[in-house]
Amino acid sequence: MIVAVASGKGGTGKTTVTASLAAVWRRPLTAADLDVEAPNLHLFLRPKIEGRRQMSMLIPAVDESRCTYCRACSDICQFKAISVLGEVLLTFPEMCHGCGACMAVCPEKAITEDARLLGEIAWGQWKDVGFFDGRLRVGEAMSPPLIGHVKDAAMENARKRGADLLLDVPPGVSCPPMRAVSGADLIVLVTEPTPFGLYDLKLAVEAFSVFERPMGVVVNRAGIGGDEVYDYCRERSLPLFAEIPFTRKAAEAYSRGQILADALPEYRERFEDLAGELRRCGARSAGEVPA
């Protein structure tokens, strides 16, 4: 089962929820931080990192001595990463999405593969939980390909271990979170009971609905706002998976980089109940017997 923990905006407590779920999950588990621009799940889990690997993406390299300037490459590129102006061919590697279409359509085979460094992925272990994350190269604007590398590596690890996969998704509803959420069996939306939380929850529900997967809501910092988030969940028939109350003790534990489920016994039961509900919901979606 693949569970994606997402949010319409940053700062709702998505990583806090992910870390506590990892601490109380009662089946084999792999956890992956897909927020490659600002990963912080490792700050809570403090895994033992066992390896790192630099990752690159495919970009075109042009042999202009073979080019006839037919424009087949520039015509097929939706992102204008390669352009032909008369008898001048220009490439813009930072705009390339690595699809390889320009190489496929070039009749003269003048375009070959080159690579651009994206960043690195890291893997290791926290207790019995497999751990993966990624770090985007400074100055690199294209995070979805690196997200894909981290996600693929984590999925392979989970498959080999017969484990569930818990994904800490980048915040928002742009291309990175959409890439991260795709393929998940269950989507958990973490929000807060404030006007900003409600607005961004609505965006997330609309965006992730295209995947046609079960979704539910975790309300973090419960008690600091009004009832609008709860009213919206009822209107949209969104299950309320859990409420995480706002307390000074929780804020202090978070500030020290502690996992709430480990630091505060009264929170552990809430996260154990949440983990059980997610496993049941995922099993029902897959037509399995809930564990």
Protein backbone atom coordinates (compact mmCIF):
# COMPACT_ATOMS: atom_id res chain seq x y z
CA MET A 1 0.00 0.00 0.00
CA ILE A 2 1.27 3.46 -0.91
CA VAL A 3 0.11 6.32 1.31
CA ALA A 4 0.80 9.90 0.21
CA VAL A 5 0.77 12.55 2.95
CA ALA A 6 0.12 15.87 1.20
CA SER A 7 -1.05 19.41 1.89
CA GLY A 8 -2.28 22.40 -0.04
CA LYS A 9 0.40 24.62 1.47
CA GLY A 10 3.54 24.38 3.55
CA GLY A 11 3.59 24.54 7.32
CA THR A 12 0.47 22.50 8.05
CA GLY A 13 2.36 19.71 9.83
CA LYS A 14 2.64 17.23 6.99
CA THR A 15 6.12 16.04 7.94
CA THR A 16 5.14 15.96 11.62
CA VAL A 17 2.31 13.57 10.75
CA THR A 18 4.52 11.48 8.45
CA ALA A 19 7.21 11.03 11.12
CA SER A 20 4.70 9.99 13.79
CA LEU A 21 3.02 7.55 11.41
CA ALA A 22 6.40 5.98 10.69
CA ALA A 23 6.93 5.59 14.44
CA VAL A 24 3.69 3.69 15.03
CA TRP A 25 3.19 1.74 11.78
CA ARG A 26 2.73 -1.91 12.71
CA ARG A 27 3.75 -3.44 9.41
CA PRO A 28 7.01 -3.32 7.41
CA LEU A 29 7.42 0.23 6.13
CA THR A 30 9.52 2.37 3.82
CA ALA A 31 9.33 6.15 4.23
CA ALA A 32 10.37 8.62 1.52
CA ASP A 33 10.69 12.40 1.69
CA LEU A 34 9.81 13.63 -1.80
CA ASP A 35 10.15 17.32 -0.96
CA VAL A 36 13.54 17.44 -2.69
CA GLU A 37 13.74 21.25 -2.53
CA ALA A 38 13.50 21.32 1.27
CA PRO A 39 13.62 17.80 2.75
CA ASN A 40 13.23 17.67 6.53
CA LEU A 41 11.84 14.24 7.42
CA HIS A 42 15.41 13.24 8.31
CA LEU A 43 15.44 15.91 11.03
CA PHE A 44 12.80 13.92 12.92
CA LEU A 45 13.69 10.33 12.05
CA ARG A 46 17.48 10.83 12.11
CA PRO A 47 18.10 7.77 9.92
CA LYS A 48 21.45 6.08 9.45
CA ILE A 49 22.35 6.99 5.86
CA GLU A 50 23.87 4.02 4.05
CA GLY A 51 24.45 5.48 0.60
CA ARG A 52 24.08 8.42 -1.76
CA ARG A 53 23.95 8.67 -5.53
CA GLN A 54 24.02 11.63 -7.87
CA MET A 55 21.16 11.68 -10.37
CA SER A 56 21.05 13.29 -13.80
CA MET A 57 18.47 13.81 -16.52
CA LEU A 58 18.67 13.39 -20.26
CA ILE A 59 19.29 16.52 -22.36
CA PRO A 60 20.17 16.91 -26.06
CA ALA A 61 23.66 17.36 -27.49
CA VAL A 62 23.69 18.51 -31.13
CA ASP A 63 26.27 17.75 -33.84
CA GLU A 64 25.67 20.76 -36.08
CA SER A 65 27.89 19.29 -38.80
CA ARG A 66 25.06 16.79 -39.44
CA CYS A 67 22.16 19.19 -38.86
CA THR A 68 20.09 20.31 -41.87
CA TYR A 69 18.07 22.81 -39.82
CA CYS A 70 14.83 21.08 -40.75
CA ARG A 71 13.19 22.23 -37.48
CA ALA A 72 11.75 18.80 -36.66
CA CYS A 73 13.34 19.01 -33.21
CA SER A 74 12.13 22.52 -32.39
CA ASP A 75 8.64 21.81 -33.70
CA ILE A 76 8.14 18.84 -31.37
CA CYS A 77 9.60 20.46 -28.25
CA GLN A 78 6.73 21.89 -26.20
CA PHE A 79 9.10 23.64 -23.83
CA LYS A 80 11.29 25.40 -26.43
CA ALA A 81 14.43 23.79 -25.05
CA ILE A 82 15.75 23.53 -28.59
CA SER A 83 15.17 26.11 -31.34
CA VAL A 84 16.25 26.66 -34.94
CA LEU A 85 16.65 30.23 -36.20
CA GLY A 86 17.59 30.08 -39.89
CA GLU A 87 20.87 28.15 -39.81
CA VAL A 88 21.47 28.64 -36.11
CA LEU A 89 20.48 25.92 -33.64
CA LEU A 90 20.14 26.87 -29.99
CA THR A 91 19.66 24.60 -26.97
CA PHE A 92 18.48 25.65 -23.52
CA PRO A 93 19.32 22.73 -21.19
CA GLU A 94 17.66 24.35 -18.16
CA MET A 95 14.31 24.24 -20.00
CA CYS A 96 14.61 20.61 -21.11
CA HIS A 97 12.21 18.08 -19.56
CA GLY A 98 14.26 15.09 -20.74
CA CYS A 99 11.59 13.44 -22.91
CA GLY A 100 13.98 12.59 -25.76
CA ALA A 101 11.49 13.50 -28.48
CA CYS A 102 13.99 15.71 -30.33
CA MET A 103 16.39 12.77 -30.65
CA ALA A 104 13.64 10.48 -31.85
CA VAL A 105 12.44 12.76 -34.68
CA CYS A 106 15.80 14.02 -35.98
CA PRO A 107 16.14 12.53 -39.50
CA GLU A 108 19.90 13.07 -39.57
CA LYS A 109 20.54 11.57 -36.11
CA ALA A 110 22.36 14.78 -35.27
CA ILE A 111 21.05 14.84 -31.68
CA THR A 112 22.54 12.52 -29.08
CA GLU A 113 22.23 12.12 -25.33
CA ASP A 114 23.90 14.39 -22.82
CA ALA A 115 23.16 14.74 -19.10
CA ARG A 116 22.43 17.50 -16.61
CA LEU A 117 22.99 16.94 -12.89
CA LEU A 118 19.72 17.14 -10.94
CA GLY A 119 20.91 16.44 -7.42
CA GLU A 120 21.30 13.34 -5.30
CA ILE A 121 19.24 10.70 -3.58
CA ALA A 122 20.11 9.17 -0.22
CA TRP A 123 18.94 5.99 1.44
CA GLY A 124 19.30 4.32 4.79
CA GLN A 125 17.45 2.94 7.77
CA TRP A 126 15.62 4.23 10.82
CA LYS A 127 14.89 1.39 13.24
CA ASP A 128 13.09 -1.12 10.98
CA VAL A 129 11.91 1.55 8.53
CA GLY A 130 13.62 2.00 5.18
CA PHE A 131 14.39 5.65 4.46
CA PHE A 132 14.84 7.63 1.23
CA ASP A 133 15.12 11.30 0.39
CA GLY A 134 16.56 13.59 -2.29
CA ARG A 135 18.27 16.96 -2.52
CA LEU A 136 17.87 19.11 -5.59
CA ARG A 137 21.03 20.75 -6.93
CA VAL A 138 21.24 24.43 -6.03
CA GLY A 139 20.02 26.42 -9.03
CA GLU A 140 18.13 23.50 -10.59
CA ALA A 141 14.51 24.37 -11.34
CA MET A 142 13.29 20.94 -12.43
CA SER A 143 12.37 18.96 -9.32
CA PRO A 144 9.85 16.39 -10.72
CA PRO A 145 12.53 14.21 -12.39
CA LEU A 146 14.46 13.93 -9.11
CA ILE A 147 11.22 13.26 -7.25
CA GLY A 148 10.68 10.42 -9.69
CA HIS A 149 14.12 8.95 -8.95
CA VAL A 150 13.56 9.04 -5.18
CA LYS A 151 10.08 7.61 -5.51
CA ASP A 152 11.17 4.78 -7.83
CA ALA A 153 14.01 3.80 -5.48
CA ALA A 154 11.69 3.81 -2.46
CA MET A 155 9.04 1.78 -4.29
CA GLU A 156 11.62 -0.83 -5.27
CA ASN A 157 12.82 -1.03 -1.66
CA ALA A 158 9.24 -1.45 -0.42
CA ARG A 159 8.53 -4.11 -3.03
CA LYS A 160 11.61 -6.14 -2.09
CA ARG A 161 10.81 -5.92 1.62
CA GLY A 162 7.08 -6.53 1.24
CA ALA A 163 6.56 -3.18 2.96
CA ASP A 164 4.04 -0.37 2.80
CA LEU A 165 5.29 2.94 1.43
CA LEU A 166 4.74 6.28 3.18
CA LEU A 167 5.40 9.36 1.02
CA ASP A 168 6.03 12.83 2.44
CA VAL A 169 4.81 14.92 -0.50
CA PRO A 170 6.00 18.46 -1.40
CA PRO A 171 3.47 21.11 -0.35
CA GLY A 172 1.08 22.75 -2.80
CA VAL A 173 -0.65 21.60 -5.97
CA SER A 174 1.95 22.34 -8.68
CA CYS A 175 3.92 19.82 -10.74
CA PRO A 176 6.15 18.48 -7.91
CA PRO A 177 3.30 17.38 -5.60
CA MET A 178 1.30 16.04 -8.55
CA ARG A 179 4.31 13.92 -9.57
CA ALA A 180 4.73 12.74 -5.98
CA VAL A 181 1.08 11.80 -5.40
CA SER A 182 0.57 9.93 -8.69
CA GLY A 183 0.32 6.19 -8.13
CA ALA A 184 -0.61 6.41 -4.45
CA ASP A 185 -3.35 4.14 -3.13
CA LEU A 186 -4.49 6.63 -0.49
CA ILE A 187 -4.06 10.40 -0.13
CA VAL A 188 -3.94 12.00 3.33
CA LEU A 189 -4.45 15.77 3.28
CA VAL A 190 -3.02 17.57 6.32
CA THR A 191 -4.60 20.94 7.03
CA GLU A 192 -5.29 23.36 9.87
CA PRO A 193 -8.63 24.89 10.93
CA THR A 194 -7.89 28.40 9.65
CA PRO A 195 -9.06 30.39 6.59
CA PHE A 196 -5.69 29.80 4.90
CA GLY A 197 -5.86 26.11 5.72
CA LEU A 198 -9.36 25.81 4.28
CA TYR A 199 -8.47 27.70 1.09
CA ASP A 200 -5.46 25.51 0.36
CA LEU A 201 -7.32 22.33 1.35
CA LYS A 202 -9.88 23.13 -1.33
CA LEU A 203 -7.10 23.55 -3.90
CA ALA A 204 -5.56 20.23 -2.90
CA VAL A 205 -8.87 18.36 -3.08
CA GLU A 206 -9.58 19.74 -6.55
CA ALA A 207 -6.06 19.00 -7.81
CA PHE A 208 -5.68 15.48 -6.43
CA SER A 209 -9.21 14.40 -7.36
CA VAL A 210 -7.92 13.69 -10.89
CA PHE A 211 -6.16 10.59 -9.52
CA GLU A 212 -9.51 9.11 -8.41
CA ARG A 213 -8.01 7.68 -5.23
CA PRO A 214 -9.49 7.69 -1.72
CA MET A 215 -8.74 10.91 0.16
CA GLY A 216 -9.21 11.97 3.75
CA VAL A 217 -8.20 14.79 6.06
CA VAL A 218 -6.04 15.16 9.15
CA VAL A 219 -6.68 18.42 11.00
CA ASN A 220 -3.49 19.52 12.71
CA ARG A 221 -3.43 22.21 15.41
CA ALA A 222 -7.06 21.42 16.11
CA GLY A 223 -8.71 23.97 18.36
CA ILE A 224 -7.00 27.13 17.08
CA GLY A 225 -9.66 28.08 14.51
CA GLY A 226 -13.28 27.69 13.55
CA ASP A 227 -15.49 24.98 12.07
CA GLU A 228 -15.20 25.88 8.38
CA VAL A 229 -12.76 23.05 7.58
CA TYR A 230 -15.06 20.52 9.23
CA ASP A 231 -18.08 21.90 7.37
CA TYR A 232 -16.21 21.60 4.08
CA CYS A 233 -15.23 17.99 4.80
CA ARG A 234 -18.87 17.12 5.49
CA GLU A 235 -20.01 18.87 2.29
CA ARG A 236 -17.45 16.97 0.20
CA SER A 237 -17.91 13.68 2.10
CA LEU A 238 -14.22 13.70 2.97
CA PRO A 239 -13.40 11.37 5.88
CA LEU A 240 -11.86 13.08 8.89
CA PHE A 241 -9.06 10.64 9.65
CA ALA A 242 -7.76 12.39 12.77
CA GLU A 243 -7.45 15.59 14.77
CA ILE A 244 -4.09 16.56 16.26
CA PRO A 245 -4.70 19.09 19.04
CA PHE A 246 -2.53 22.18 19.40
CA THR A 247 -0.71 22.32 22.72
CA ARG A 248 2.40 24.04 23.98
CA LYS A 249 3.97 20.65 24.71
CA ALA A 250 3.51 19.63 21.08
CA ALA A 251 5.06 22.87 19.84
CA GLU A 252 8.03 22.43 22.15
CA ALA A 253 8.56 18.83 21.03
CA TYR A 254 8.40 19.93 17.38
CA SER A 255 10.92 22.71 17.99
CA ARG A 256 13.35 20.14 19.40
CA GLY A 257 12.92 17.89 16.34
CA GLN A 258 11.11 15.21 18.34
CA ILE A 259 8.54 12.81 16.95
CA LEU A 260 5.22 13.62 18.63
CA ALA A 261 4.17 9.99 18.88
CA ASP A 262 7.38 9.20 20.81
CA ALA A 263 7.69 12.39 22.83
CA LEU A 264 4.09 12.64 24.09
CA PRO A 265 2.23 9.47 25.17
CA GLU A 266 -1.16 11.17 24.78
CA TYR A 267 -0.36 11.79 21.10
CA ARG A 268 0.90 8.28 20.44
CA GLU A 269 -2.58 6.77 20.78
CA ARG A 270 -3.96 9.29 18.28
CA PHE A 271 -1.34 8.38 15.71
CA GLU A 272 -1.80 4.65 16.34
CA ASP A 273 -5.52 5.10 15.66
CA LEU A 274 -4.71 7.13 12.55
CA ALA A 275 -2.30 4.49 11.24
CA GLY A 276 -4.90 1.78 11.80
CA GLU A 277 -7.57 3.78 9.97
CA LEU A 278 -5.25 4.41 7.02
CA ARG A 279 -4.39 0.71 6.76
CA ARG A 280 -8.09 -0.21 6.84
CA CYS A 281 -8.97 2.45 4.27
CA GLY A 282 -6.15 1.37 1.98
CA ALA A 283 -7.09 -2.29 2.30
CA ARG A 284 -10.74 -1.55 1.48
CA SER A 285 -9.66 0.42 -1.58
CA ALA A 286 -7.51 -2.47 -2.77
CA GLY A 287 -10.18 -5.07 -2.00
CA GLU A 288 -8.00 -6.68 0.66
CA VAL A 289 -8.79 -7.89 4.16
CA PRO A 290 -7.89 -5.01 6.54
CA ALA A 291 -4.96 -5.70 8.88
